[in-house]
Amino acid sequence: MRKCMAAGLLALLVSACALDARTGIAVGAGVAVAAGDRDGDGMLDAAEVQALVEKVFPPAKLTGGFWDGMRAALTAAYWARDLDHDGKLRIAELAR
């Protein structure tokens, strides 16, 4: 179900980009949450963000200081959007 939802959101993202950038960003945020939300609460927690980051930069394949830095930078970029500092990322926060 989640893969189907993510695929649908991805298709919506592609078509939304033709509308305007803000819509595309909002849909992209929805895709990120749909792809990474393991517990189904509609938000990303620390473990879910870490899993997304490791999907992009897998530590088993990409080793060394440079890749550790890339993972840290991407993780920090996610958490910079946690506007209410509750340790959960909502679609609205990711879309800002």
N, C-alpha and C. Protein backbone atom coordinates (compact mmCIF):
# COMPACT_ATOMS: atom_id res chain seq x y z
N MET A 1 0.82 -1.19 0.00
CA MET A 1 0.00 0.00 0.00
C MET A 1 0.86 1.26 0.00
N ARG A 2 1.89 1.29 0.88
CA ARG A 2 2.73 2.48 0.99
C ARG A 2 3.48 2.73 -0.31
N LYS A 3 3.97 1.65 -0.98
CA LYS A 3 4.67 1.82 -2.24
C LYS A 3 3.74 2.37 -3.31
N CYS A 4 2.51 1.90 -3.31
CA CYS A 4 1.51 2.39 -4.26
C CYS A 4 1.23 3.87 -4.01
N MET A 5 1.09 4.24 -2.71
CA MET A 5 0.84 5.63 -2.37
C MET A 5 2.02 6.51 -2.79
N ALA A 6 3.22 6.05 -2.53
CA ALA A 6 4.41 6.82 -2.89
C ALA A 6 4.50 6.98 -4.41
N ALA A 7 4.18 5.92 -5.14
CA ALA A 7 4.21 6.00 -6.60
C ALA A 7 3.18 7.00 -7.11
N GLY A 8 2.01 7.00 -6.51
CA GLY A 8 0.98 7.96 -6.89
C GLY A 8 1.39 9.39 -6.58
N LEU A 9 2.00 9.57 -5.42
CA LEU A 9 2.47 10.91 -5.06
C LEU A 9 3.59 11.37 -5.97
N LEU A 10 4.45 10.45 -6.37
CA LEU A 10 5.53 10.79 -7.29
C LEU A 10 4.96 11.23 -8.64
N ALA A 11 3.95 10.53 -9.12
CA ALA A 11 3.30 10.92 -10.37
C ALA A 11 2.68 12.30 -10.23
N LEU A 12 2.08 12.56 -9.07
CA LEU A 12 1.49 13.87 -8.82
C LEU A 12 2.57 14.95 -8.78
N LEU A 13 3.72 14.62 -8.21
CA LEU A 13 4.84 15.56 -8.15
C LEU A 13 5.27 15.96 -9.56
N VAL A 14 5.40 15.00 -10.43
CA VAL A 14 5.83 15.29 -11.80
C VAL A 14 4.84 16.23 -12.48
N SER A 15 3.56 15.97 -12.31
CA SER A 15 2.56 16.84 -12.94
C SER A 15 2.44 18.17 -12.21
N ALA A 16 2.67 18.19 -10.89
CA ALA A 16 2.57 19.43 -10.12
C ALA A 16 3.67 20.41 -10.50
N CYS A 17 4.81 19.91 -10.91
CA CYS A 17 5.91 20.79 -11.30
C CYS A 17 5.51 21.68 -12.47
N ALA A 18 4.58 21.20 -13.28
CA ALA A 18 4.11 22.01 -14.41
C ALA A 18 3.24 23.15 -13.91
N LEU A 19 2.68 23.03 -12.71
CA LEU A 19 1.80 24.08 -12.18
C LEU A 19 2.62 25.23 -11.59
N ASP A 20 3.37 24.96 -10.52
CA ASP A 20 4.25 25.97 -9.93
C ASP A 20 5.22 25.28 -8.96
N ALA A 21 6.28 25.98 -8.65
CA ALA A 21 7.33 25.39 -7.81
C ALA A 21 6.83 25.08 -6.41
N ARG A 22 6.01 25.94 -5.83
CA ARG A 22 5.52 25.75 -4.47
C ARG A 22 4.70 24.47 -4.37
N THR A 23 3.87 24.22 -5.35
CA THR A 23 3.08 22.99 -5.37
C THR A 23 3.99 21.78 -5.49
N GLY A 24 4.99 21.88 -6.36
CA GLY A 24 5.94 20.78 -6.52
C GLY A 24 6.68 20.47 -5.23
N ILE A 25 7.08 21.50 -4.49
CA ILE A 25 7.77 21.30 -3.21
C ILE A 25 6.85 20.63 -2.20
N ALA A 26 5.61 21.08 -2.14
CA ALA A 26 4.65 20.50 -1.20
C ALA A 26 4.40 19.02 -1.51
N VAL A 27 4.25 18.70 -2.78
CA VAL A 27 4.03 17.31 -3.16
C VAL A 27 5.29 16.48 -2.88
N GLY A 28 6.45 17.04 -3.14
CA GLY A 28 7.70 16.34 -2.84
C GLY A 28 7.83 16.03 -1.36
N ALA A 29 7.40 16.95 -0.52
CA ALA A 29 7.41 16.72 0.93
C ALA A 29 6.48 15.55 1.27
N GLY A 30 5.34 15.50 0.62
CA GLY A 30 4.41 14.39 0.84
C GLY A 30 5.01 13.06 0.41
N VAL A 31 5.74 13.07 -0.68
CA VAL A 31 6.39 11.85 -1.16
C VAL A 31 7.44 11.40 -0.15
N ALA A 32 8.22 12.33 0.39
CA ALA A 32 9.25 11.98 1.37
C ALA A 32 8.62 11.34 2.61
N VAL A 33 7.53 11.92 3.09
CA VAL A 33 6.87 11.36 4.27
C VAL A 33 6.26 10.00 3.93
N ALA A 34 5.59 9.90 2.79
CA ALA A 34 4.98 8.62 2.41
C ALA A 34 6.03 7.52 2.28
N ALA A 35 7.18 7.86 1.73
CA ALA A 35 8.24 6.87 1.53
C ALA A 35 8.92 6.47 2.83
N GLY A 36 9.01 7.40 3.77
CA GLY A 36 9.79 7.13 4.98
C GLY A 36 9.01 6.85 6.24
N ASP A 37 7.71 7.10 6.24
CA ASP A 37 6.90 6.96 7.45
C ASP A 37 6.60 5.50 7.73
N ARG A 38 7.42 4.88 8.56
CA ARG A 38 7.28 3.45 8.86
C ARG A 38 6.13 3.14 9.80
N ASP A 39 5.83 4.05 10.74
CA ASP A 39 4.80 3.76 11.73
C ASP A 39 3.42 4.30 11.36
N GLY A 40 3.32 4.97 10.22
CA GLY A 40 2.03 5.41 9.73
C GLY A 40 1.41 6.60 10.44
N ASP A 41 2.22 7.38 11.18
CA ASP A 41 1.65 8.52 11.90
C ASP A 41 1.62 9.80 11.06
N GLY A 42 2.07 9.72 9.82
CA GLY A 42 2.04 10.89 8.94
C GLY A 42 3.18 11.87 9.16
N MET A 43 4.17 11.45 9.94
CA MET A 43 5.32 12.29 10.24
C MET A 43 6.59 11.43 10.18
N LEU A 44 7.74 12.09 10.14
CA LEU A 44 9.02 11.39 10.19
C LEU A 44 9.66 11.63 11.55
N ASP A 45 10.06 10.54 12.22
CA ASP A 45 10.82 10.67 13.47
C ASP A 45 12.30 10.46 13.17
N ALA A 46 13.13 10.48 14.20
CA ALA A 46 14.58 10.40 14.01
C ALA A 46 15.00 9.12 13.29
N ALA A 47 14.42 7.99 13.67
CA ALA A 47 14.78 6.72 13.05
C ALA A 47 14.37 6.69 11.58
N GLU A 48 13.22 7.28 11.27
CA GLU A 48 12.73 7.30 9.89
C GLU A 48 13.58 8.22 9.02
N VAL A 49 13.98 9.36 9.57
CA VAL A 49 14.87 10.27 8.83
C VAL A 49 16.20 9.58 8.58
N GLN A 50 16.73 8.91 9.60
CA GLN A 50 18.01 8.21 9.45
C GLN A 50 17.91 7.14 8.37
N ALA A 51 16.81 6.43 8.32
CA ALA A 51 16.62 5.38 7.30
C ALA A 51 16.58 6.00 5.90
N LEU A 52 15.91 7.15 5.76
CA LEU A 52 15.88 7.83 4.46
C LEU A 52 17.27 8.27 4.03
N VAL A 53 18.01 8.85 4.96
CA VAL A 53 19.38 9.32 4.68
C VAL A 53 20.26 8.14 4.27
N GLU A 54 20.12 7.03 4.97
CA GLU A 54 20.96 5.86 4.66
C GLU A 54 20.53 5.20 3.36
N LYS A 55 19.30 5.43 2.92
CA LYS A 55 18.87 4.93 1.62
C LYS A 55 19.58 5.71 0.51
N VAL A 56 19.73 7.00 0.72
CA VAL A 56 20.38 7.86 -0.26
C VAL A 56 21.89 7.64 -0.27
N PHE A 57 22.49 7.58 0.92
CA PHE A 57 23.93 7.39 1.08
C PHE A 57 24.17 6.16 1.96
N PRO A 58 24.04 4.95 1.41
CA PRO A 58 24.16 3.72 2.22
C PRO A 58 25.55 3.58 2.84
N PRO A 59 25.63 3.51 4.17
CA PRO A 59 26.93 3.43 4.84
C PRO A 59 27.71 2.16 4.51
N ALA A 60 27.04 1.09 4.14
CA ALA A 60 27.75 -0.14 3.79
C ALA A 60 28.51 0.00 2.47
N LYS A 61 28.04 0.87 1.60
CA LYS A 61 28.67 1.05 0.29
C LYS A 61 29.50 2.33 0.20
N LEU A 62 29.06 3.35 0.90
CA LEU A 62 29.72 4.66 0.82
C LEU A 62 30.37 4.94 2.17
N THR A 63 31.65 4.64 2.26
CA THR A 63 32.37 4.74 3.54
C THR A 63 33.36 5.90 3.51
N GLY A 64 33.77 6.29 4.68
CA GLY A 64 34.80 7.32 4.81
C GLY A 64 34.22 8.65 5.25
N GLY A 65 35.14 9.53 5.55
CA GLY A 65 34.78 10.84 6.10
C GLY A 65 33.88 11.68 5.22
N PHE A 66 34.14 11.65 3.90
CA PHE A 66 33.31 12.44 2.98
C PHE A 66 31.86 11.99 3.08
N TRP A 67 31.61 10.68 3.01
CA TRP A 67 30.25 10.16 3.03
C TRP A 67 29.60 10.32 4.39
N ASP A 68 30.39 10.20 5.46
CA ASP A 68 29.86 10.47 6.79
C ASP A 68 29.38 11.92 6.86
N GLY A 69 30.15 12.82 6.27
CA GLY A 69 29.78 14.23 6.24
C GLY A 69 28.52 14.47 5.41
N MET A 70 28.39 13.77 4.30
CA MET A 70 27.19 13.90 3.47
C MET A 70 25.95 13.44 4.23
N ARG A 71 26.07 12.32 4.94
CA ARG A 71 24.94 11.83 5.74
C ARG A 71 24.59 12.82 6.84
N ALA A 72 25.61 13.36 7.50
CA ALA A 72 25.37 14.33 8.57
C ALA A 72 24.73 15.60 8.03
N ALA A 73 25.18 16.07 6.87
CA ALA A 73 24.63 17.29 6.28
C ALA A 73 23.17 17.10 5.87
N LEU A 74 22.85 15.96 5.28
CA LEU A 74 21.47 15.70 4.87
C LEU A 74 20.57 15.56 6.09
N THR A 75 21.05 14.89 7.11
CA THR A 75 20.28 14.75 8.36
C THR A 75 20.03 16.13 8.97
N ALA A 76 21.06 16.97 9.01
CA ALA A 76 20.91 18.32 9.56
C ALA A 76 19.93 19.15 8.74
N ALA A 77 19.94 18.98 7.42
CA ALA A 77 19.01 19.71 6.57
C ALA A 77 17.57 19.32 6.87
N TYR A 78 17.33 18.04 7.11
CA TYR A 78 15.98 17.62 7.51
C TYR A 78 15.58 18.29 8.82
N TRP A 79 16.44 18.19 9.83
CA TRP A 79 16.07 18.70 11.16
C TRP A 79 16.02 20.22 11.22
N ALA A 80 16.65 20.91 10.30
CA ALA A 80 16.52 22.37 10.25
C ALA A 80 15.08 22.78 9.94
N ARG A 81 14.31 21.87 9.40
CA ARG A 81 12.90 22.15 9.07
C ARG A 81 11.93 21.80 10.19
N ASP A 82 12.42 21.28 11.29
CA ASP A 82 11.56 20.94 12.43
C ASP A 82 11.21 22.23 13.18
N LEU A 83 10.21 22.92 12.69
CA LEU A 83 9.89 24.27 13.16
C LEU A 83 9.47 24.32 14.62
N ASP A 84 8.75 23.31 15.08
CA ASP A 84 8.30 23.33 16.48
C ASP A 84 9.23 22.53 17.40
N HIS A 85 10.31 22.02 16.86
CA HIS A 85 11.34 21.31 17.64
C HIS A 85 10.78 20.17 18.48
N ASP A 86 9.83 19.44 17.90
CA ASP A 86 9.23 18.32 18.62
C ASP A 86 9.84 16.97 18.24
N GLY A 87 10.84 16.98 17.36
CA GLY A 87 11.48 15.74 16.95
C GLY A 87 10.69 14.95 15.92
N LYS A 88 9.69 15.59 15.32
CA LYS A 88 8.88 14.97 14.26
C LYS A 88 8.82 15.95 13.10
N LEU A 89 8.91 15.43 11.90
CA LEU A 89 8.81 16.28 10.71
C LEU A 89 7.48 16.01 10.01
N ARG A 90 6.70 17.07 9.86
CA ARG A 90 5.42 16.99 9.17
C ARG A 90 5.58 17.45 7.73
N ILE A 91 4.63 17.11 6.89
CA ILE A 91 4.68 17.54 5.50
C ILE A 91 4.78 19.05 5.40
N ALA A 92 4.00 19.78 6.20
CA ALA A 92 4.03 21.25 6.16
C ALA A 92 5.41 21.80 6.49
N GLU A 93 6.11 21.15 7.43
CA GLU A 93 7.46 21.61 7.78
C GLU A 93 8.45 21.34 6.66
N LEU A 94 8.34 20.18 6.05
CA LEU A 94 9.25 19.85 4.95
C LEU A 94 8.98 20.69 3.72
N ALA A 95 7.75 21.16 3.56
CA ALA A 95 7.37 21.93 2.37
C ALA A 95 7.69 23.42 2.50
N ARG A 96 8.16 23.85 3.62
CA ARG A 96 8.41 25.31 3.76
C ARG A 96 9.62 25.74 3.00
